[in-house]
């Protein structure tokens, strides 16, 4: 088992750069790990953004899975990877947070709980964070693809 986060970061950076080179994209991937748990790989904006991100981020998630699998196959214990292309995930999270602010205002105004549409884990984490900052209670309910958040006023 290879436990060095630095080695895992270097390996994942090189691996993603190699995969991107197959698409004719020779670019430098920015790699880091803020919490020594998740390796953050950031691909700068290029003419291939749309292709690499894919529909609703599908291709980007596939690249993420590919790098994570490669790390596991090489025996790295640190194999959680987050791939972001042209800050797509960062901008998406900002849009989700803005939408959450509107939902929070509605719950605060009406006092009624609000069930949100089902969403992926990253979006749910963003909503939970924004709700907690606003003093609201949020809980995830449901299973699998049906998992969604219910926003409520915090009980006094």
Protein backbone atom coordinates (compact mmCIF):
# COMPACT_ATOMS: atom_id res chain seq x y z
CA UNK A 1 0.00 0.00 0.00
CA UNK A 2 1.43 3.34 -1.05
CA UNK A 3 0.46 5.91 1.60
CA UNK A 4 2.23 9.09 0.48
CA UNK A 5 -0.32 11.73 -0.53
CA UNK A 6 2.41 13.55 -2.48
CA UNK A 7 3.08 10.44 -4.60
CA UNK A 8 -0.66 9.94 -5.17
CA UNK A 9 -1.03 13.59 -6.25
CA UNK A 10 1.88 13.33 -8.71
CA UNK A 11 0.62 10.02 -10.11
CA UNK A 12 -2.96 11.30 -10.59
CA UNK A 13 -1.72 14.56 -12.18
CA UNK A 14 0.48 12.68 -14.67
CA UNK A 15 -2.25 10.10 -15.36
CA UNK A 16 -4.88 12.76 -16.18
CA UNK A 17 -2.40 14.70 -18.33
CA UNK A 18 -1.66 11.47 -20.25
CA UNK A 19 -5.38 10.76 -20.77
CA UNK A 20 -5.96 14.34 -21.98
CA UNK A 21 -3.04 14.02 -24.42
CA UNK A 22 -4.98 11.22 -26.17
CA UNK A 23 -7.53 13.90 -27.09
CA UNK A 24 -4.76 16.13 -28.43
CA UNK A 25 -4.79 18.34 -25.37
CA UNK A 26 -1.35 18.98 -23.95
CA UNK A 27 -2.01 21.00 -20.85
CA UNK A 28 -0.73 21.29 -17.32
CA UNK A 29 -3.15 19.94 -14.71
CA UNK A 30 -3.07 21.75 -11.37
CA UNK A 31 -3.06 19.16 -8.58
CA UNK A 32 -3.35 19.58 -4.82
CA UNK A 33 -4.93 18.11 -1.71
CA UNK A 34 -6.16 20.49 0.96
CA UNK A 35 -7.25 17.89 3.49
CA UNK A 36 -4.97 14.94 2.60
CA UNK A 37 -8.11 12.93 1.76
CA UNK A 38 -9.31 14.14 -1.64
CA UNK A 39 -6.94 14.88 -4.52
CA UNK A 40 -8.10 17.99 -6.38
CA UNK A 41 -7.24 18.03 -10.10
CA UNK A 42 -8.01 21.22 -11.99
CA UNK A 43 -7.83 21.37 -15.78
CA UNK A 44 -7.53 24.93 -17.14
CA UNK A 45 -10.01 26.29 -19.66
CA UNK A 46 -9.32 25.18 -23.26
CA UNK A 47 -11.15 24.77 -26.56
CA UNK A 48 -12.19 21.28 -25.38
CA UNK A 49 -14.13 22.41 -22.28
CA UNK A 50 -17.54 21.28 -23.53
CA UNK A 51 -16.22 17.93 -24.68
CA UNK A 52 -14.29 17.24 -21.45
CA UNK A 53 -17.13 18.36 -19.17
CA UNK A 54 -19.80 16.49 -21.13
CA UNK A 55 -23.55 16.66 -20.63
CA UNK A 56 -24.21 17.77 -17.02
CA UNK A 57 -20.60 16.88 -16.13
CA UNK A 58 -20.85 13.21 -17.16
CA UNK A 59 -17.51 13.08 -18.99
CA UNK A 60 -15.80 14.94 -16.15
CA UNK A 61 -17.14 12.39 -13.63
CA UNK A 62 -15.94 9.58 -15.92
CA UNK A 63 -12.43 11.09 -15.95
CA UNK A 64 -12.61 11.35 -12.16
CA UNK A 65 -13.56 7.64 -11.91
CA UNK A 66 -10.76 6.70 -14.31
CA UNK A 67 -8.09 8.49 -12.26
CA UNK A 68 -9.46 7.10 -8.99
CA UNK A 69 -9.45 3.55 -10.41
CA UNK A 70 -5.89 3.97 -11.66
CA UNK A 71 -4.78 5.06 -8.17
CA UNK A 72 -6.48 2.02 -6.60
CA UNK A 73 -4.89 -0.30 -9.17
CA UNK A 74 -1.47 1.13 -8.30
CA UNK A 75 -2.03 0.46 -4.59
CA UNK A 76 -2.49 4.04 -3.42
CA UNK A 77 -4.52 4.30 -0.22
CA UNK A 78 -5.44 7.91 -1.10
CA UNK A 79 -7.66 7.44 -4.13
CA UNK A 80 -10.53 9.90 -3.73
CA UNK A 81 -10.28 12.32 -6.63
CA UNK A 82 -12.14 15.46 -7.64
CA UNK A 83 -11.64 16.55 -11.27
CA UNK A 84 -12.79 20.06 -12.22
CA UNK A 85 -12.55 21.41 -15.75
CA UNK A 86 -12.46 25.18 -16.30
CA UNK A 87 -13.91 25.66 -12.76
CA UNK A 88 -17.19 24.06 -13.91
CA UNK A 89 -17.89 22.48 -10.49
CA UNK A 90 -16.96 25.65 -8.63
CA UNK A 91 -19.33 27.78 -10.75
CA UNK A 92 -22.06 25.14 -10.53
CA UNK A 93 -21.79 25.07 -6.71
CA UNK A 94 -22.11 28.88 -6.67
CA UNK A 95 -25.31 28.66 -8.78
CA UNK A 96 -26.72 25.95 -6.46
CA UNK A 97 -25.92 28.13 -3.41
CA UNK A 98 -27.72 31.11 -5.01
CA UNK A 99 -30.78 28.94 -5.69
CA UNK A 100 -30.63 27.62 -2.11
CA UNK A 101 -30.77 31.21 -0.81
CA UNK A 102 -34.09 31.70 -2.63
CA UNK A 103 -35.52 28.46 -1.20
CA UNK A 104 -34.32 29.41 2.30
CA UNK A 105 -36.03 32.82 2.05
CA UNK A 106 -39.25 31.10 1.00
CA UNK A 107 -39.11 28.69 3.99
CA UNK A 108 -38.32 31.59 6.36
CA UNK A 109 -41.23 33.61 4.94
CA UNK A 110 -43.88 30.88 4.93
CA UNK A 111 -42.61 28.82 7.87
CA UNK A 112 -43.53 25.74 5.84
CA UNK A 113 -41.07 22.90 5.13
CA UNK A 114 -39.95 22.64 1.50
CA UNK A 115 -39.06 19.43 -0.32
CA UNK A 116 -36.44 20.02 -3.00
CA UNK A 117 -35.97 17.99 -6.17
CA UNK A 118 -33.61 15.03 -6.02
CA UNK A 119 -29.98 15.97 -6.61
CA UNK A 120 -26.47 14.59 -6.52
CA UNK A 121 -24.43 14.38 -3.28
CA UNK A 122 -22.23 17.40 -4.11
CA UNK A 123 -25.28 19.63 -4.64
CA UNK A 124 -26.88 18.31 -1.44
CA UNK A 125 -23.70 19.13 0.52
CA UNK A 126 -23.81 22.70 -0.85
CA UNK A 127 -27.48 23.10 0.16
CA UNK A 128 -26.83 21.68 3.67
CA UNK A 129 -23.93 24.13 4.13
CA UNK A 130 -25.95 27.17 2.98
CA UNK A 131 -28.98 26.15 5.07
CA UNK A 132 -26.83 25.71 8.19
CA UNK A 133 -25.26 29.15 7.64
CA UNK A 134 -28.78 30.61 7.44
CA UNK A 135 -29.88 28.84 10.63
CA UNK A 136 -32.26 26.43 8.88
CA UNK A 137 -32.55 22.70 9.40
CA UNK A 138 -31.94 20.52 6.36
CA UNK A 139 -32.12 16.77 6.04
CA UNK A 140 -31.59 14.34 3.18
CA UNK A 141 -34.40 11.84 2.68
CA UNK A 142 -35.01 9.06 0.17
CA UNK A 143 -32.72 6.50 -1.39
CA UNK A 144 -30.44 6.46 -4.42
CA UNK A 145 -31.46 8.74 -7.27
CA UNK A 146 -34.57 9.81 -5.34
CA UNK A 147 -32.52 11.26 -2.44
CA UNK A 148 -33.46 14.88 -1.85
CA UNK A 149 -33.40 17.58 0.81
CA UNK A 150 -36.19 18.88 3.01
CA UNK A 151 -35.63 22.42 4.34
CA UNK A 152 -37.35 23.43 7.61
CA UNK A 153 -37.19 26.12 10.20
CA UNK A 154 -34.94 25.08 13.08
CA UNK A 155 -36.94 24.05 16.10
CA UNK A 156 -36.63 26.52 18.91
